[in-house]
Amino acid sequence: RGISDKNGIVELTKGCLGGGEGQKQIAIHCFGYGSDHNQEMLNDISQATEGGSYYFVQQDCDVASAFGDALGGILSAVAQNV
């Protein structure tokens, strides 16, 4: 039950986190692990709101780099808004 198709999930994401009138959007960072994830859907979800990104994590050793990049972008945006 519920929403299970890519377009429905992306639209729901936009509706919940896209920011209403006078509200800021929440950036979404998606991480795809291994070769059996839905790259297209994760990328579309990450682009549903401004500032999001998609990372492909092929091996365990790539996790730190992907999270570091996403966290660095978040911290940079926070520092600009102080």
N, C-alpha and C. Protein backbone atom coordinates (compact mmCIF):
# COMPACT_ATOMS: atom_id res chain seq x y z
N ARG A 1 0.83 -1.18 0.00
CA ARG A 1 0.00 0.00 0.00
C ARG A 1 0.87 1.25 0.00
N GLY A 2 0.27 2.35 -0.35
CA GLY A 2 1.00 3.61 -0.37
C GLY A 2 1.61 3.89 -1.72
N ILE A 3 2.40 4.91 -1.77
CA ILE A 3 3.05 5.33 -3.01
C ILE A 3 4.28 4.47 -3.24
N SER A 4 4.38 3.88 -4.42
CA SER A 4 5.52 3.01 -4.70
C SER A 4 6.18 3.29 -6.05
N ASP A 5 5.62 4.20 -6.84
CA ASP A 5 6.24 4.51 -8.12
C ASP A 5 7.15 5.73 -7.98
N LYS A 6 8.15 5.81 -8.84
CA LYS A 6 9.16 6.87 -8.76
C LYS A 6 8.56 8.26 -8.80
N ASN A 7 7.68 8.52 -9.75
CA ASN A 7 7.10 9.86 -9.88
C ASN A 7 6.29 10.24 -8.65
N GLY A 8 5.55 9.30 -8.10
CA GLY A 8 4.77 9.57 -6.91
C GLY A 8 5.65 9.89 -5.72
N ILE A 9 6.75 9.17 -5.57
CA ILE A 9 7.68 9.41 -4.47
C ILE A 9 8.35 10.77 -4.62
N VAL A 10 8.75 11.12 -5.83
CA VAL A 10 9.39 12.42 -6.06
C VAL A 10 8.42 13.55 -5.79
N GLU A 11 7.18 13.42 -6.24
CA GLU A 11 6.18 14.47 -6.00
C GLU A 11 5.85 14.59 -4.52
N LEU A 12 5.77 13.48 -3.83
CA LEU A 12 5.54 13.52 -2.38
C LEU A 12 6.69 14.23 -1.67
N THR A 13 7.90 13.96 -2.10
CA THR A 13 9.08 14.61 -1.53
C THR A 13 9.01 16.11 -1.73
N LYS A 14 8.67 16.53 -2.93
CA LYS A 14 8.54 17.96 -3.21
C LYS A 14 7.48 18.59 -2.33
N GLY A 15 6.36 17.90 -2.17
CA GLY A 15 5.26 18.43 -1.38
C GLY A 15 5.60 18.55 0.10
N CYS A 16 6.35 17.59 0.62
CA CYS A 16 6.68 17.59 2.05
C CYS A 16 7.87 18.46 2.39
N LEU A 17 8.86 18.50 1.52
CA LEU A 17 10.11 19.18 1.85
C LEU A 17 10.44 20.35 0.93
N GLY A 18 9.56 20.61 -0.02
CA GLY A 18 9.80 21.65 -1.01
C GLY A 18 9.61 23.07 -0.50
N GLY A 19 9.16 23.21 0.71
CA GLY A 19 8.98 24.55 1.27
C GLY A 19 7.71 25.19 0.74
N GLY A 20 6.86 25.55 1.64
CA GLY A 20 5.64 26.25 1.26
C GLY A 20 5.91 27.74 1.18
N GLU A 21 4.88 28.49 1.06
CA GLU A 21 5.02 29.94 0.97
C GLU A 21 5.71 30.47 2.23
N GLY A 22 6.80 31.18 2.04
CA GLY A 22 7.54 31.76 3.15
C GLY A 22 8.43 30.78 3.90
N GLN A 23 8.54 29.54 3.42
CA GLN A 23 9.39 28.54 4.07
C GLN A 23 10.52 28.14 3.15
N LYS A 24 11.65 27.77 3.75
CA LYS A 24 12.79 27.32 2.97
C LYS A 24 12.66 25.84 2.64
N GLN A 25 13.23 25.47 1.51
CA GLN A 25 13.25 24.07 1.11
C GLN A 25 14.30 23.33 1.95
N ILE A 26 14.12 22.04 2.07
CA ILE A 26 15.09 21.19 2.75
C ILE A 26 15.82 20.39 1.69
N ALA A 27 17.14 20.54 1.64
CA ALA A 27 17.95 19.80 0.67
C ALA A 27 17.99 18.32 1.04
N ILE A 28 17.95 17.48 0.03
CA ILE A 28 17.98 16.03 0.23
C ILE A 28 19.23 15.48 -0.44
N HIS A 29 20.00 14.72 0.32
CA HIS A 29 21.19 14.06 -0.21
C HIS A 29 20.93 12.56 -0.19
N CYS A 30 21.03 11.92 -1.34
CA CYS A 30 20.75 10.49 -1.48
C CYS A 30 22.04 9.74 -1.75
N PHE A 31 22.12 8.54 -1.18
CA PHE A 31 23.31 7.70 -1.34
C PHE A 31 22.88 6.33 -1.84
N GLY A 32 23.40 5.95 -3.00
CA GLY A 32 23.11 4.65 -3.57
C GLY A 32 24.27 3.72 -3.31
N TYR A 33 23.99 2.57 -2.71
CA TYR A 33 25.02 1.60 -2.35
C TYR A 33 24.98 0.40 -3.28
N GLY A 34 26.13 0.04 -3.83
CA GLY A 34 26.20 -1.13 -4.69
C GLY A 34 25.53 -0.91 -6.02
N SER A 35 25.41 -1.98 -6.78
CA SER A 35 24.90 -1.87 -8.15
C SER A 35 23.41 -2.14 -8.27
N ASP A 36 22.74 -2.50 -7.18
CA ASP A 36 21.34 -2.90 -7.30
C ASP A 36 20.35 -1.88 -6.76
N HIS A 37 20.72 -0.61 -6.73
CA HIS A 37 19.78 0.43 -6.29
C HIS A 37 19.21 1.15 -7.51
N ASN A 38 18.19 1.94 -7.29
CA ASN A 38 17.55 2.66 -8.39
C ASN A 38 18.19 4.05 -8.51
N GLN A 39 19.23 4.15 -9.31
CA GLN A 39 19.99 5.38 -9.47
C GLN A 39 19.11 6.53 -9.96
N GLU A 40 18.27 6.26 -10.92
CA GLU A 40 17.41 7.31 -11.49
C GLU A 40 16.47 7.88 -10.42
N MET A 41 15.87 7.01 -9.61
CA MET A 41 14.95 7.49 -8.59
C MET A 41 15.69 8.29 -7.51
N LEU A 42 16.83 7.80 -7.04
CA LEU A 42 17.58 8.53 -6.02
C LEU A 42 18.04 9.88 -6.53
N ASN A 43 18.48 9.94 -7.78
CA ASN A 43 18.89 11.21 -8.36
C ASN A 43 17.70 12.17 -8.46
N ASP A 44 16.56 11.66 -8.89
CA ASP A 44 15.36 12.51 -9.00
C ASP A 44 14.91 13.01 -7.63
N ILE A 45 14.98 12.17 -6.61
CA ILE A 45 14.62 12.58 -5.25
C ILE A 45 15.57 13.68 -4.77
N SER A 46 16.85 13.50 -5.03
CA SER A 46 17.83 14.50 -4.58
C SER A 46 17.64 15.84 -5.28
N GLN A 47 17.08 15.81 -6.47
CA GLN A 47 16.85 17.05 -7.22
C GLN A 47 15.45 17.62 -6.99
N ALA A 48 14.65 16.96 -6.17
CA ALA A 48 13.28 17.41 -5.92
C ALA A 48 13.26 18.74 -5.18
N THR A 49 14.29 19.01 -4.41
CA THR A 49 14.41 20.29 -3.71
C THR A 49 15.78 20.88 -4.02
N GLU A 50 15.90 22.16 -3.86
CA GLU A 50 17.14 22.87 -4.18
C GLU A 50 18.27 22.46 -3.24
N GLY A 51 19.45 22.26 -3.80
CA GLY A 51 20.64 22.00 -2.99
C GLY A 51 20.95 20.55 -2.71
N GLY A 52 20.13 19.63 -3.19
CA GLY A 52 20.36 18.21 -2.93
C GLY A 52 21.39 17.62 -3.87
N SER A 53 21.80 16.39 -3.56
CA SER A 53 22.78 15.72 -4.41
C SER A 53 22.62 14.21 -4.28
N TYR A 54 23.12 13.51 -5.28
CA TYR A 54 23.10 12.05 -5.31
C TYR A 54 24.53 11.56 -5.37
N TYR A 55 24.83 10.55 -4.57
CA TYR A 55 26.17 9.96 -4.54
C TYR A 55 26.05 8.46 -4.76
N PHE A 56 26.93 7.94 -5.60
CA PHE A 56 27.02 6.50 -5.81
C PHE A 56 28.16 5.98 -4.96
N VAL A 57 27.86 5.05 -4.07
CA VAL A 57 28.86 4.46 -3.18
C VAL A 57 29.05 3.01 -3.62
N GLN A 58 30.12 2.80 -4.38
CA GLN A 58 30.34 1.47 -4.94
C GLN A 58 30.92 0.51 -3.90
N GLN A 59 31.83 1.00 -3.07
CA GLN A 59 32.48 0.16 -2.08
C GLN A 59 32.43 0.84 -0.72
N ASP A 60 32.63 0.05 0.33
CA ASP A 60 32.61 0.59 1.69
C ASP A 60 33.60 1.73 1.87
N CYS A 61 34.74 1.65 1.22
CA CYS A 61 35.76 2.69 1.39
C CYS A 61 35.34 4.03 0.76
N ASP A 62 34.28 4.05 -0.04
CA ASP A 62 33.79 5.29 -0.66
C ASP A 62 32.78 6.05 0.20
N VAL A 63 32.33 5.43 1.29
CA VAL A 63 31.29 6.04 2.12
C VAL A 63 31.77 7.35 2.74
N ALA A 64 32.96 7.35 3.31
CA ALA A 64 33.46 8.55 3.99
C ALA A 64 33.57 9.72 3.03
N SER A 65 34.03 9.48 1.84
CA SER A 65 34.18 10.55 0.84
C SER A 65 32.82 11.13 0.46
N ALA A 66 31.85 10.27 0.22
CA ALA A 66 30.51 10.73 -0.18
C ALA A 66 29.85 11.52 0.94
N PHE A 67 29.88 10.99 2.16
CA PHE A 67 29.27 11.71 3.28
C PHE A 67 30.03 13.00 3.58
N GLY A 68 31.36 12.96 3.46
CA GLY A 68 32.15 14.16 3.69
C GLY A 68 31.81 15.26 2.71
N ASP A 69 31.61 14.89 1.46
CA ASP A 69 31.25 15.88 0.45
C ASP A 69 29.88 16.49 0.73
N ALA A 70 28.91 15.64 1.08
CA ALA A 70 27.57 16.14 1.38
C ALA A 70 27.58 17.01 2.63
N LEU A 71 28.27 16.57 3.66
CA LEU A 71 28.33 17.34 4.90
C LEU A 71 29.08 18.65 4.70
N GLY A 72 30.13 18.63 3.90
CA GLY A 72 30.87 19.86 3.60
C GLY A 72 29.99 20.89 2.91
N GLY A 73 29.15 20.45 2.01
CA GLY A 73 28.23 21.36 1.33
C GLY A 73 27.21 21.94 2.29
N ILE A 74 26.73 21.13 3.21
CA ILE A 74 25.76 21.61 4.20
C ILE A 74 26.40 22.64 5.11
N LEU A 75 27.59 22.33 5.60
CA LEU A 75 28.27 23.25 6.51
C LEU A 75 28.63 24.56 5.82
N SER A 76 28.98 24.50 4.56
CA SER A 76 29.29 25.70 3.79
C SER A 76 28.06 26.60 3.68
N ALA A 77 26.90 26.00 3.40
CA ALA A 77 25.66 26.77 3.29
C ALA A 77 25.28 27.38 4.64
N VAL A 78 25.49 26.65 5.72
CA VAL A 78 25.18 27.17 7.05
C VAL A 78 26.07 28.35 7.37
N ALA A 79 27.36 28.23 7.05
CA ALA A 79 28.30 29.32 7.32
C ALA A 79 27.95 30.58 6.54
N GLN A 80 27.43 30.43 5.34
CA GLN A 80 27.04 31.58 4.53
C GLN A 80 25.83 32.29 5.10
N ASN A 81 24.98 31.54 5.80
CA ASN A 81 23.73 32.10 6.32
C ASN A 81 23.83 32.58 7.75
N VAL A 82 25.05 32.62 8.31
CA VAL A 82 25.22 33.08 9.70
C VAL A 82 25.28 34.57 9.73
